[in-house]
Protein backbone atom coordinates (compact mmCIF):
# COMPACT_ATOMS: atom_id res chain seq x y z
CA MET A 1 -21.49 -41.22 57.99
CA PRO A 2 -18.05 -39.56 57.91
CA MET A 3 -14.98 -41.53 56.98
CA GLN A 4 -13.05 -43.04 59.90
CA ALA A 5 -9.37 -42.31 60.44
CA GLN A 6 -8.44 -46.00 60.18
CA ASP A 7 -10.07 -46.15 56.71
CA VAL A 8 -7.71 -43.51 55.32
CA ARG A 9 -4.55 -44.84 53.69
CA TRP A 10 -1.86 -42.31 52.93
CA VAL A 11 0.16 -43.02 49.83
CA LYS A 12 3.70 -41.75 49.76
CA GLU A 13 5.33 -40.56 46.58
CA PRO A 14 7.75 -43.25 45.36
CA ARG A 15 11.39 -42.37 45.71
CA LEU A 16 13.32 -42.49 42.46
CA SER A 17 16.75 -44.03 42.36
CA LEU A 18 19.68 -42.22 40.80
CA MET A 19 19.28 -44.23 37.56
CA ASP A 20 15.58 -43.36 37.40
CA ARG A 21 16.30 -39.67 37.91
CA LEU A 22 18.81 -39.77 35.05
CA TYR A 23 16.21 -41.47 32.78
CA LEU A 24 18.85 -43.97 31.65
CA PRO A 25 16.59 -47.06 31.85
CA SER A 26 13.98 -45.32 29.69
CA VAL A 27 16.57 -44.19 27.14
CA VAL A 28 18.05 -47.70 26.95
CA ASP A 29 14.54 -49.15 26.53
CA GLY A 30 13.86 -46.81 23.61
CA ILE A 31 17.18 -47.63 21.92
CA LEU A 32 16.50 -51.38 22.28
CA THR A 33 13.03 -51.00 20.74
CA THR A 34 14.46 -49.01 17.83
CA GLY A 35 17.16 -51.65 17.36
CA LYS A 36 14.56 -54.47 17.29
CA HIS A 37 12.57 -52.63 14.61
CA LEU A 38 15.73 -52.01 12.60
CA VAL A 39 16.68 -55.71 12.69
CA LYS A 40 13.15 -56.75 11.63
CA THR A 41 13.22 -54.25 8.77
CA LEU A 42 16.59 -55.50 7.57
CA ARG A 43 15.27 -59.08 7.60
CA GLY A 44 12.45 -58.12 5.25
CA GLY A 45 9.76 -56.96 7.64
CA GLU A 46 7.82 -53.90 6.54
CA PHE A 47 6.56 -51.29 8.98
CA THR A 48 5.71 -48.45 6.63
CA GLN A 49 2.43 -48.64 4.76
CA GLN A 50 2.72 -47.31 1.22
CA PHE A 51 -0.67 -45.56 1.18
CA PRO A 52 -2.26 -44.54 -1.26
CA GLU A 53 -0.35 -46.75 -3.70
CA VAL A 54 -1.13 -49.85 -1.61
CA GLU A 55 -4.54 -50.26 -0.02
CA PRO A 56 -4.26 -50.95 3.72
CA LYS A 57 -5.59 -54.20 5.17
CA LEU A 58 -8.06 -53.02 7.79
CA PRO A 59 -9.89 -55.26 10.26
CA SER A 60 -13.56 -55.95 9.56
CA HIS A 61 -14.61 -54.03 12.68
CA TYR A 62 -12.75 -50.85 11.64
CA ARG A 63 -14.64 -47.66 12.49
CA GLY A 64 -14.63 -45.26 9.57
CA VAL A 65 -17.07 -42.83 7.95
CA HIS A 66 -20.60 -42.79 9.36
CA ARG A 67 -23.75 -43.65 7.47
CA LEU A 68 -27.47 -43.30 8.09
CA ASN A 69 -29.31 -46.50 7.29
CA ARG A 70 -32.51 -46.81 5.28
CA ASP A 71 -35.46 -49.04 6.13
CA GLU A 72 -37.16 -51.49 3.75
CA GLN A 73 -39.14 -48.67 2.07
CA GLY A 74 -36.02 -46.57 1.46
CA ARG A 75 -36.80 -44.04 4.21
CA VAL A 76 -34.27 -42.89 6.78
CA LYS A 77 -34.36 -45.28 9.76
CA CYS A 78 -33.69 -42.55 12.30
CA VAL A 79 -36.58 -41.70 14.64
CA ALA A 80 -34.94 -38.50 15.99
CA CYS A 81 -34.69 -39.79 19.56
CA TYR A 82 -31.46 -37.83 20.20
CA LEU A 83 -29.77 -40.79 21.90
CA CYS A 84 -26.80 -40.68 19.51
CA SER A 85 -26.18 -36.97 20.06
CA THR A 86 -26.59 -37.43 23.82
CA ALA A 87 -24.11 -40.32 23.92
CA CYS A 88 -21.54 -38.57 21.73
CA PRO A 89 -18.56 -37.46 23.85
CA ALA A 90 -17.33 -35.09 21.12
CA HIS A 91 -20.75 -33.40 20.67
CA CYS A 92 -20.49 -33.65 16.90
CA ILE A 93 -24.09 -34.69 16.06
CA ASP A 94 -26.86 -32.11 15.59
CA ILE A 95 -30.43 -33.23 14.99
CA VAL A 96 -33.58 -31.21 14.35
CA ALA A 97 -36.71 -33.33 14.72
CA ALA A 98 -39.99 -32.89 12.87
CA PRO A 99 -43.32 -34.72 12.99
CA SER A 100 -43.12 -37.83 10.86
CA PRO A 101 -45.09 -37.96 7.61
CA TRP A 102 -45.31 -41.74 8.07
CA PRO A 103 -47.76 -43.43 10.44
CA ASP A 104 -45.27 -45.93 11.91
CA ARG A 105 -43.26 -43.35 13.90
CA GLU A 106 -43.75 -40.08 15.71
CA LYS A 107 -40.68 -38.14 14.55
CA TYR A 108 -38.00 -38.19 11.92
CA PRO A 109 -34.87 -36.04 11.51
CA GLU A 110 -35.66 -32.97 9.47
CA MET A 111 -31.97 -32.09 9.78
CA PHE A 112 -29.15 -34.46 10.77
CA VAL A 113 -25.60 -33.08 10.67
CA LEU A 114 -22.46 -34.93 11.76
CA ASP A 115 -19.12 -33.11 11.98
CA GLU A 116 -16.59 -35.71 10.80
CA LEU A 117 -13.64 -33.50 11.82
CA ARG A 118 -14.84 -33.27 15.40
CA CYS A 119 -15.76 -36.96 15.67
CA ILE A 120 -13.40 -39.29 17.58
CA TYR A 121 -14.88 -42.44 15.95
CA CYS A 122 -15.61 -44.09 19.29
CA GLY A 123 -18.83 -45.79 18.13
CA MET A 124 -20.94 -44.54 21.04
CA CYS A 125 -23.58 -43.18 18.64
CA GLU A 126 -23.87 -46.59 17.03
CA GLU A 127 -24.18 -48.29 20.43
CA ALA A 128 -26.81 -45.84 21.66
CA CYS A 129 -29.11 -46.00 18.63
CA PRO A 130 -32.16 -48.18 19.43
CA VAL A 131 -33.14 -48.66 15.77
CA ASP A 132 -29.68 -49.14 14.16
CA ALA A 133 -30.06 -45.93 12.18
CA ILE A 134 -26.43 -44.82 12.42
CA GLU A 135 -23.38 -46.99 11.77
CA LEU A 136 -19.68 -46.57 11.24
CA THR A 137 -18.52 -48.10 7.97
CA THR A 138 -15.13 -49.37 6.85
CA LEU A 139 -14.58 -46.36 4.56
CA TYR A 140 -11.37 -44.68 5.66
CA ASP A 141 -10.41 -42.35 2.81
CA LEU A 142 -12.07 -39.19 4.08
CA THR A 143 -10.92 -35.88 2.60
CA GLY A 144 -12.31 -32.42 2.16
CA LEU A 145 -11.04 -29.06 0.99
CA SER A 146 -12.93 -27.08 3.62
CA ARG A 147 -14.47 -27.54 7.03
CA GLN A 148 -17.91 -27.20 5.44
CA GLU A 149 -17.27 -30.26 3.24
CA MET A 150 -16.63 -32.33 6.36
CA LEU A 151 -20.07 -31.57 7.81
CA PHE A 152 -22.08 -34.59 6.67
CA ASP A 153 -25.78 -33.80 6.42
CA LYS A 154 -28.61 -36.32 6.15
CA GLU A 155 -28.39 -36.62 2.36
CA LYS A 156 -24.64 -37.19 2.41
CA LEU A 157 -24.93 -39.80 5.18
CA LEU A 158 -27.66 -41.60 3.24
CA SER A 159 -25.48 -41.53 0.12
CA VAL A 160 -22.73 -43.27 2.14
CA TYR A 161 -25.32 -45.98 2.91
CA ASP A 162 -26.15 -46.32 -0.78
CA GLN A 163 -22.46 -46.46 -1.70
CA THR A 164 -21.58 -49.13 0.90
CA THR A 165 -24.57 -51.35 0.12
CA GLN A 166 -23.85 -51.21 -3.62
CA ALA A 167 -20.19 -52.04 -3.03
CA GLY A 168 -21.08 -54.83 -0.59
CA THR A 169 -18.93 -53.35 2.17
CA ASP A 170 -21.52 -53.27 4.94
CA PRO A 171 -20.08 -53.03 8.46
CA ALA A 172 -19.23 -56.27 10.25
CA ARG A 173 -21.65 -55.28 12.99
CA THR A 174 -24.73 -56.77 11.34
CA HIS A 175 -28.36 -56.47 12.34
CA ARG A 176 -30.03 -59.34 14.15
CA GLY A 177 -33.52 -58.21 15.06
CA GLN A 178 -36.15 -55.85 13.81
CA LEU A 179 -34.80 -53.06 16.03
CA GLY A 180 -31.19 -54.21 16.25
CA PRO A 181 -28.69 -56.01 18.48
CA ALA A 182 -29.81 -54.26 21.66
CA SER A 183 -33.36 -55.57 21.31
CA GLU A 184 -32.13 -59.14 20.86
CA LYS A 185 -29.73 -59.13 23.82
CA ALA A 186 -32.47 -58.15 26.25
CA ALA A 187 -34.45 -61.25 25.29
CA ASP A 188 -31.40 -63.51 25.82
CA VAL A 189 -30.89 -62.49 29.45
CA ARG A 190 -32.17 -65.05 31.91
CA LEU A 191 -33.14 -63.63 35.27
CA PRO A 192 -32.54 -65.81 38.36
CA ASN A 193 -35.56 -67.45 39.87
CA PRO A 194 -36.44 -65.60 43.13
CA GLN A 195 -37.57 -68.80 44.91
């Protein structure tokens, strides 16, 4: 059914006053903000972080370097379902699947490459993963001398898992069920009774 004429609402462009056209309110706002920061700094407040001399205090849910998790037998948890690469808005995950040598799954990632320079650290890969195979850790100090060094393959991502578990800096997003948080939330939902 086509849209009716009475359903259309025309929006007119707002008219700017002379002060708005001169940008004076915006300039005054910026000067006031700078002045507030200056007064706080003079009173002892600190706005500049002295990294790397002083370690930053990051929140527990900080999204840093990725890791591929291992299962109880030390194998990669990933089942090569491609959900993380499909959900990734930056298209920075490449997976090549192969038949699994283990009887408890059909596939595993023969190749798993994540481009950390292209990643926007949104956490969509972590949300999409049905088996909690990929996570973002709290590691923030990520450097490389070439673009090739910033391509994290499966072995490098698994070594990040080993490093974070040994250091006791697992992500705050912990596992609840055998498959992960998504599997538990589905069981908690109560559907209304159709009576």
